[in-house]
């Protein structure tokens, strides 16, 4: 049995995501969860998804007890 087929996108209208595959903001269930960042509270916030991820990564790198680079 092959796994991975018939995967349905998850999400609801009013939830915003950034699709990594298509490099665009999407509302609700458009693409599979494996290809998205989110959900975010607004379209604008989802549009900043890559910047938000980088900010969070930087915070983690600078946190006390963080793994060395």
N, C-alpha and C. Protein backbone atom coordinates (compact mmCIF):
# COMPACT_ATOMS: atom_id res chain seq x y z
N UNK A 1 0.84 -1.18 0.00
CA UNK A 1 0.00 0.00 0.00
C UNK A 1 0.89 1.24 0.00
N UNK A 2 0.64 2.12 -0.92
CA UNK A 2 1.40 3.36 -1.02
C UNK A 2 0.73 4.43 -0.19
N UNK A 3 1.51 5.07 0.67
CA UNK A 3 0.97 6.14 1.50
C UNK A 3 1.20 7.48 0.84
N UNK A 4 0.39 8.45 1.20
CA UNK A 4 0.60 9.80 0.71
C UNK A 4 -0.38 10.27 -0.34
N UNK A 5 -1.13 9.35 -0.90
CA UNK A 5 -2.12 9.76 -1.88
C UNK A 5 -3.41 10.13 -1.19
N UNK A 6 -4.21 10.91 -1.86
CA UNK A 6 -5.50 11.37 -1.33
C UNK A 6 -5.37 12.21 -0.08
N UNK A 7 -4.25 12.90 0.07
CA UNK A 7 -4.10 13.82 1.21
C UNK A 7 -4.96 15.04 0.94
N UNK A 8 -5.71 15.40 1.95
CA UNK A 8 -6.58 16.56 1.80
C UNK A 8 -5.96 17.73 2.54
N UNK A 9 -6.03 18.93 1.96
CA UNK A 9 -5.54 20.12 2.66
C UNK A 9 -6.34 20.33 3.94
N UNK A 10 -5.68 20.89 4.94
CA UNK A 10 -6.34 21.20 6.20
C UNK A 10 -6.38 22.71 6.38
N UNK A 11 -7.31 23.18 7.14
CA UNK A 11 -7.45 24.60 7.40
C UNK A 11 -8.89 25.01 7.19
N UNK A 12 -9.19 26.20 7.64
CA UNK A 12 -10.56 26.72 7.54
C UNK A 12 -10.53 28.11 6.91
N UNK A 13 -11.62 28.50 6.29
CA UNK A 13 -11.70 29.89 5.82
C UNK A 13 -11.46 30.82 7.00
N UNK A 14 -10.70 31.86 6.78
CA UNK A 14 -10.36 32.81 7.84
C UNK A 14 -9.01 32.52 8.46
N UNK A 15 -8.45 31.33 8.20
CA UNK A 15 -7.09 31.02 8.63
C UNK A 15 -6.16 31.28 7.46
N UNK A 16 -5.05 31.93 7.72
CA UNK A 16 -4.12 32.31 6.67
C UNK A 16 -2.83 31.51 6.78
N UNK A 17 -2.31 31.11 5.63
CA UNK A 17 -1.10 30.31 5.55
C UNK A 17 -0.18 30.88 4.49
N UNK A 18 1.11 30.53 4.59
CA UNK A 18 2.05 30.85 3.53
C UNK A 18 2.45 29.52 2.90
N UNK A 19 2.19 29.35 1.62
CA UNK A 19 2.51 28.12 0.91
C UNK A 19 3.95 28.20 0.40
N UNK A 20 4.79 27.29 0.89
CA UNK A 20 6.19 27.25 0.46
C UNK A 20 6.32 26.77 -0.98
N UNK A 21 5.46 25.88 -1.39
CA UNK A 21 5.52 25.33 -2.75
C UNK A 21 5.20 26.38 -3.80
N UNK A 22 4.20 27.21 -3.54
CA UNK A 22 3.75 28.22 -4.50
C UNK A 22 4.24 29.63 -4.18
N UNK A 23 4.91 29.79 -3.03
CA UNK A 23 5.43 31.09 -2.58
C UNK A 23 4.34 32.16 -2.58
N UNK A 24 3.20 31.81 -1.94
CA UNK A 24 2.10 32.78 -1.87
C UNK A 24 1.27 32.56 -0.62
N UNK A 25 0.52 33.58 -0.26
CA UNK A 25 -0.39 33.55 0.88
C UNK A 25 -1.69 32.88 0.41
N UNK A 26 -2.20 31.99 1.28
CA UNK A 26 -3.44 31.29 0.97
C UNK A 26 -4.39 31.36 2.16
N UNK A 27 -5.67 31.38 1.88
CA UNK A 27 -6.67 31.35 2.95
C UNK A 27 -7.31 29.97 2.97
N UNK A 28 -7.37 29.40 4.17
CA UNK A 28 -8.06 28.13 4.33
C UNK A 28 -7.36 26.97 3.66
N UNK A 29 -8.12 25.93 3.36
CA UNK A 29 -7.53 24.69 2.87
C UNK A 29 -7.26 24.70 1.37
N UNK A 30 -6.10 25.18 0.96
CA UNK A 30 -5.74 25.13 -0.45
C UNK A 30 -4.69 24.06 -0.71
N UNK A 31 -3.57 24.13 -0.02
CA UNK A 31 -2.47 23.18 -0.23
C UNK A 31 -2.30 22.30 1.01
N UNK A 32 -1.64 21.15 0.85
CA UNK A 32 -1.40 20.27 2.00
C UNK A 32 -0.58 20.96 3.07
N UNK A 33 -0.82 20.58 4.32
CA UNK A 33 -0.13 21.19 5.46
C UNK A 33 1.39 21.06 5.36
N UNK A 34 1.89 20.01 4.73
CA UNK A 34 3.34 19.81 4.63
C UNK A 34 4.01 20.90 3.81
N UNK A 35 3.25 21.64 3.02
CA UNK A 35 3.79 22.69 2.16
C UNK A 35 3.57 24.09 2.70
N UNK A 36 3.01 24.22 3.93
CA UNK A 36 2.60 25.54 4.41
C UNK A 36 3.20 25.88 5.77
N UNK A 37 3.25 27.18 6.03
CA UNK A 37 3.55 27.72 7.35
C UNK A 37 2.27 28.38 7.83
N UNK A 38 1.97 28.21 9.11
CA UNK A 38 0.77 28.83 9.66
C UNK A 38 -0.03 27.84 10.47
N UNK A 39 -1.20 28.23 10.92
CA UNK A 39 -1.98 29.38 10.47
C UNK A 39 -1.55 30.68 11.15
N UNK A 40 -1.84 31.76 10.48
CA UNK A 40 -1.60 33.12 10.98
C UNK A 40 -2.94 33.82 11.10
N UNK A 41 -2.97 34.87 11.90
CA UNK A 41 -4.21 35.58 12.18
C UNK A 41 -4.69 36.51 11.09
N UNK A 42 -3.80 36.86 10.17
CA UNK A 42 -4.20 37.78 9.10
C UNK A 42 -3.40 37.50 7.83
N UNK A 43 -3.88 38.02 6.73
CA UNK A 43 -3.19 37.89 5.45
C UNK A 43 -1.81 38.54 5.52
N UNK A 44 -1.73 39.70 6.16
CA UNK A 44 -0.47 40.43 6.26
C UNK A 44 0.56 39.64 7.06
N UNK A 45 0.11 39.04 8.16
CA UNK A 45 1.01 38.24 8.99
C UNK A 45 1.51 37.02 8.21
N UNK A 46 0.63 36.36 7.47
CA UNK A 46 1.04 35.22 6.65
C UNK A 46 2.03 35.65 5.57
N UNK A 47 1.88 36.86 5.07
CA UNK A 47 2.81 37.38 4.08
C UNK A 47 4.21 37.58 4.62
N UNK A 48 4.32 37.69 5.94
CA UNK A 48 5.62 37.84 6.60
C UNK A 48 6.13 36.51 7.15
N UNK A 49 5.54 35.39 6.75
CA UNK A 49 5.85 34.09 7.33
C UNK A 49 7.34 33.76 7.30
N UNK A 50 8.00 34.00 6.20
CA UNK A 50 9.43 33.67 6.11
C UNK A 50 10.25 34.56 7.04
N UNK A 51 9.90 35.84 7.12
CA UNK A 51 10.60 36.75 8.03
C UNK A 51 10.34 36.36 9.48
N UNK A 52 9.12 35.97 9.80
CA UNK A 52 8.78 35.54 11.16
C UNK A 52 9.57 34.29 11.51
N UNK A 53 9.66 33.34 10.59
CA UNK A 53 10.43 32.12 10.84
C UNK A 53 11.90 32.45 11.08
N UNK A 54 12.45 33.36 10.30
CA UNK A 54 13.85 33.75 10.48
C UNK A 54 14.05 34.44 11.83
N UNK A 55 13.12 35.31 12.21
CA UNK A 55 13.20 35.97 13.52
C UNK A 55 13.18 34.95 14.65
N UNK A 56 12.30 33.97 14.54
CA UNK A 56 12.20 32.94 15.57
C UNK A 56 13.47 32.09 15.61
N UNK A 57 14.02 31.78 14.45
CA UNK A 57 15.27 31.02 14.41
C UNK A 57 16.40 31.80 15.07
N UNK A 58 16.45 33.09 14.81
CA UNK A 58 17.49 33.94 15.41
C UNK A 58 17.31 34.01 16.92
N UNK A 59 16.07 34.14 17.39
CA UNK A 59 15.81 34.15 18.83
C UNK A 59 16.27 32.84 19.46
N UNK A 60 16.01 31.73 18.78
CA UNK A 60 16.42 30.43 19.30
C UNK A 60 17.95 30.34 19.36
N UNK A 61 18.61 30.81 18.30
CA UNK A 61 20.07 30.77 18.27
C UNK A 61 20.68 31.57 19.42
N UNK A 62 20.04 32.67 19.78
CA UNK A 62 20.57 33.56 20.81
C UNK A 62 20.06 33.23 22.21
N UNK A 63 19.17 32.27 22.34
CA UNK A 63 18.61 31.93 23.65
C UNK A 63 19.66 31.22 24.50
N UNK A 64 19.54 31.40 25.81
CA UNK A 64 20.44 30.70 26.74
C UNK A 64 20.23 29.20 26.58
N UNK A 65 21.32 28.48 26.53
CA UNK A 65 21.23 27.03 26.42
C UNK A 65 20.95 26.51 25.03
N UNK A 66 20.95 27.39 24.04
CA UNK A 66 20.70 26.95 22.67
C UNK A 66 21.86 26.11 22.17
N UNK A 67 21.55 25.23 21.26
CA UNK A 67 22.60 24.38 20.68
C UNK A 67 23.60 25.24 19.92
N UNK A 68 24.87 24.89 19.97
CA UNK A 68 25.88 25.66 19.25
C UNK A 68 25.70 25.54 17.74
N UNK A 69 26.10 26.58 17.01
CA UNK A 69 25.96 26.54 15.55
C UNK A 69 27.10 25.81 14.90
